[in-house]
Amino acid sequence: MPQDPPAHIRLENVVGITIVHFAEHKIVSEVSDQLYGLVEEGHRRLLLNFSNLNVLSSVAIAKLIGLQKKIIGLQGYMKICCVNPSLLELLRYVGLDRYIEIFETQENALRTF
């Protein structure tokens, strides 16, 4: 039986795509176990909405890459959307966009699944 998501993330399902919204200022590394848990529960199409995030640590970026590899291994997809400009610049600088597609809006990302 799936567990309720922790309070620092909110899940939304749109036509079989699980959209993960992060609570304000929570960083991905703090919820990586929950993200991996979602995949284990069968969520194979994830869209991470970063609209409330301002920073990501190098650990969080590494965990995102690991999660992407796991999802791809299960024939799934993970994408990111709604990244603020300064964080987007960092993600491009470290090359995360080579591993995970990043979209300006949630609507644009949803159209690509």
C-alpha atoms as a PDB file:
ATOM      1  CA  MET A   1       0.000   0.000   0.000  1.00  0.00           C
ATOM      2  CA  PRO A   2       1.519   3.371  -1.002  1.00  0.00           C
ATOM      3  CA  GLN A   3       2.435   5.671   1.834  1.00  0.00           C
ATOM      4  CA  ASP A   4       1.288   9.258   2.035  1.00  0.00           C
ATOM      5  CA  PRO A   5       4.000  11.591   0.764  1.00  0.00           C
ATOM      6  CA  PRO A   6       5.927  13.528   3.388  1.00  0.00           C
ATOM      7  CA  ALA A   7       4.776  17.078   4.106  1.00  0.00           C
ATOM      8  CA  HIS A   8       7.779  18.647   2.349  1.00  0.00           C
ATOM      9  CA  ILE A   9       6.656  17.385  -1.042  1.00  0.00           C
ATOM     10  CA  ARG A  10       3.246  17.468  -2.673  1.00  0.00           C
ATOM     11  CA  LEU A  11       2.271  15.021  -5.382  1.00  0.00           C
ATOM     12  CA  GLU A  12      -0.058  15.664  -8.261  1.00  0.00           C
ATOM     13  CA  ASN A  13      -1.082  13.157 -10.919  1.00  0.00           C
ATOM     14  CA  VAL A  14      -1.804  14.386 -14.420  1.00  0.00           C
ATOM     15  CA  VAL A  15      -2.643  11.699 -16.988  1.00  0.00           C
ATOM     16  CA  GLY A  16      -0.316   9.140 -15.408  1.00  0.00           C
ATOM     17  CA  ILE A  17       2.530  11.559 -14.771  1.00  0.00           C
ATOM     18  CA  THR A  18       3.499  12.140 -11.149  1.00  0.00           C
ATOM     19  CA  ILE A  19       4.360  15.795 -10.584  1.00  0.00           C
ATOM     20  CA  VAL A  20       6.475  16.395  -7.504  1.00  0.00           C
ATOM     21  CA  HIS A  21       6.188  19.869  -5.990  1.00  0.00           C
ATOM     22  CA  PHE A  22       8.773  20.718  -3.341  1.00  0.00           C
ATOM     23  CA  ALA A  23       7.953  22.757  -0.245  1.00  0.00           C
ATOM     24  CA  GLU A  24       9.593  26.143  -0.267  1.00  0.00           C
ATOM     25  CA  HIS A  25      13.367  26.052   0.188  1.00  0.00           C
ATOM     26  CA  LYS A  26      13.564  22.296   0.693  1.00  0.00           C
ATOM     27  CA  ILE A  27      16.488  20.876  -1.185  1.00  0.00           C
ATOM     28  CA  VAL A  28      16.261  17.692  -3.183  1.00  0.00           C
ATOM     29  CA  SER A  29      18.893  15.825  -1.159  1.00  0.00           C
ATOM     30  CA  GLU A  30      16.594  15.991   1.870  1.00  0.00           C
ATOM     31  CA  VAL A  31      13.802  14.167   0.026  1.00  0.00           C
ATOM     32  CA  SER A  32      15.814  11.844  -2.195  1.00  0.00           C
ATOM     33  CA  ASP A  33      14.714   8.760  -0.228  1.00  0.00           C
ATOM     34  CA  GLN A  34      11.102   9.713  -0.846  1.00  0.00           C
ATOM     35  CA  LEU A  35      11.783  10.220  -4.560  1.00  0.00           C
ATOM     36  CA  TYR A  36      13.416   6.792  -4.803  1.00  0.00           C
ATOM     37  CA  GLY A  37      10.439   5.414  -2.845  1.00  0.00           C
ATOM     38  CA  LEU A  38       8.030   6.821  -5.411  1.00  0.00           C
ATOM     39  CA  VAL A  39       9.909   4.989  -8.149  1.00  0.00           C
ATOM     40  CA  GLU A  40       9.852   1.762  -6.113  1.00  0.00           C
ATOM     41  CA  GLU A  41       6.068   2.186  -5.703  1.00  0.00           C
ATOM     42  CA  GLY A  42       5.687   2.226  -9.487  1.00  0.00           C
ATOM     43  CA  HIS A  43       5.835   5.913 -10.385  1.00  0.00           C
ATOM     44  CA  ARG A  44       7.827   5.714 -13.626  1.00  0.00           C
ATOM     45  CA  ARG A  45       6.969   9.098 -15.143  1.00  0.00           C
ATOM     46  CA  LEU A  46       8.129  11.881 -12.836  1.00  0.00           C
ATOM     47  CA  LEU A  47       8.092  15.609 -13.378  1.00  0.00           C
ATOM     48  CA  LEU A  48       9.991  17.541 -10.732  1.00  0.00           C
ATOM     49  CA  ASN A  49       8.619  21.066 -10.388  1.00  0.00           C
ATOM     50  CA  PHE A  50      11.403  23.277  -9.010  1.00  0.00           C
ATOM     51  CA  SER A  51       9.347  26.478  -8.756  1.00  0.00           C
ATOM     52  CA  ASN A  52       9.945  26.702  -4.987  1.00  0.00           C
ATOM     53  CA  LEU A  53      13.638  25.794  -5.053  1.00  0.00           C
ATOM     54  CA  ASN A  54      16.431  28.339  -5.033  1.00  0.00           C
ATOM     55  CA  VAL A  55      19.477  26.156  -4.445  1.00  0.00           C
ATOM     56  CA  LEU A  56      20.707  22.620  -4.996  1.00  0.00           C
ATOM     57  CA  SER A  57      23.775  21.130  -3.414  1.00  0.00           C
ATOM     58  CA  SER A  58      26.249  19.022  -5.342  1.00  0.00           C
ATOM     59  CA  VAL A  59      24.930  16.040  -3.368  1.00  0.00           C
ATOM     60  CA  ALA A  60      21.396  16.801  -4.553  1.00  0.00           C
ATOM     61  CA  ILE A  61      22.557  17.037  -8.165  1.00  0.00           C
ATOM     62  CA  ALA A  62      24.329  13.679  -7.868  1.00  0.00           C
ATOM     63  CA  LYS A  63      21.188  12.126  -6.369  1.00  0.00           C
ATOM     64  CA  LEU A  64      19.095  13.459  -9.251  1.00  0.00           C
ATOM     65  CA  ILE A  65      21.457  11.849 -11.744  1.00  0.00           C
ATOM     66  CA  GLY A  66      21.279   8.558  -9.830  1.00  0.00           C
ATOM     67  CA  LEU A  67      17.494   8.729  -9.739  1.00  0.00           C
ATOM     68  CA  GLN A  68      17.370   9.432 -13.470  1.00  0.00           C
ATOM     69  CA  LYS A  69      19.547   6.385 -14.166  1.00  0.00           C
ATOM     70  CA  LYS A  70      17.263   4.220 -12.024  1.00  0.00           C
ATOM     71  CA  ILE A  71      14.128   5.467 -13.799  1.00  0.00           C
ATOM     72  CA  ILE A  72      15.658   4.964 -17.240  1.00  0.00           C
ATOM     73  CA  GLY A  73      16.613   1.416 -16.212  1.00  0.00           C
ATOM     74  CA  LEU A  74      12.927   0.819 -15.497  1.00  0.00           C
ATOM     75  CA  GLN A  75      11.887   2.289 -18.888  1.00  0.00           C
ATOM     76  CA  GLY A  76      10.583   5.444 -17.219  1.00  0.00           C
ATOM     77  CA  TYR A  77      11.120   9.166 -17.640  1.00  0.00           C
ATOM     78  CA  MET A  78      12.024  12.016 -15.316  1.00  0.00           C
ATOM     79  CA  LYS A  79      12.011  15.667 -16.291  1.00  0.00           C
ATOM     80  CA  ILE A  80      12.421  18.975 -14.477  1.00  0.00           C
ATOM     81  CA  CYS A  81      10.437  22.169 -14.932  1.00  0.00           C
ATOM     82  CA  CYS A  82       9.966  25.679 -13.550  1.00  0.00           C
ATOM     83  CA  VAL A  83      13.576  26.336 -12.587  1.00  0.00           C
ATOM     84  CA  ASN A  84      14.465  29.884 -11.545  1.00  0.00           C
ATOM     85  CA  PRO A  85      17.063  31.549 -13.815  1.00  0.00           C
ATOM     86  CA  SER A  86      20.026  31.482 -11.412  1.00  0.00           C
ATOM     87  CA  LEU A  87      19.475  27.826 -10.530  1.00  0.00           C
ATOM     88  CA  LEU A  88      18.999  26.981 -14.210  1.00  0.00           C
ATOM     89  CA  GLU A  89      22.340  28.589 -14.966  1.00  0.00           C
ATOM     90  CA  LEU A  90      23.985  26.391 -12.317  1.00  0.00           C
ATOM     91  CA  LEU A  91      22.289  23.226 -13.607  1.00  0.00           C
ATOM     92  CA  ARG A  92      23.480  23.953 -17.129  1.00  0.00           C
ATOM     93  CA  TYR A  93      26.983  24.803 -15.892  1.00  0.00           C
ATOM     94  CA  VAL A  94      27.331  21.428 -14.149  1.00  0.00           C
ATOM     95  CA  GLY A  95      25.783  19.643 -17.138  1.00  0.00           C
ATOM     96  CA  LEU A  96      22.642  18.302 -15.494  1.00  0.00           C
ATOM     97  CA  ASP A  97      20.701  19.205 -18.625  1.00  0.00           C
ATOM     98  CA  ARG A  98      22.706  16.508 -20.469  1.00  0.00           C
ATOM     99  CA  TYR A  99      21.100  13.865 -18.225  1.00  0.00           C
ATOM    100  CA  ILE A 100      17.671  15.284 -17.477  1.00  0.00           C
ATOM    101  CA  GLU A 101      15.470  17.380 -19.745  1.00  0.00           C
ATOM    102  CA  ILE A 102      14.665  20.771 -18.241  1.00  0.00           C
ATOM    103  CA  PHE A 103      11.601  22.768 -19.306  1.00  0.00           C
ATOM    104  CA  GLU A 104      10.594  26.343 -18.655  1.00  0.00           C
ATOM    105  CA  THR A 105       6.996  25.511 -17.767  1.00  0.00           C
ATOM    106  CA  GLN A 106       5.127  22.545 -16.370  1.00  0.00           C
ATOM    107  CA  GLU A 107       2.763  22.580 -19.337  1.00  0.00           C
ATOM    108  CA  ASN A 108       5.621  22.339 -21.843  1.00  0.00           C
ATOM    109  CA  ALA A 109       7.140  19.440 -19.938  1.00  0.00           C
ATOM    110  CA  LEU A 110       3.848  17.547 -19.697  1.00  0.00           C
ATOM    111  CA  ARG A 111       3.433  17.712 -23.495  1.00  0.00           C
ATOM    112  CA  THR A 112       6.697  15.787 -23.980  1.00  0.00           C
ATOM    113  CA  PHE A 113       5.929  12.620 -22.016  1.00  0.00           C
END
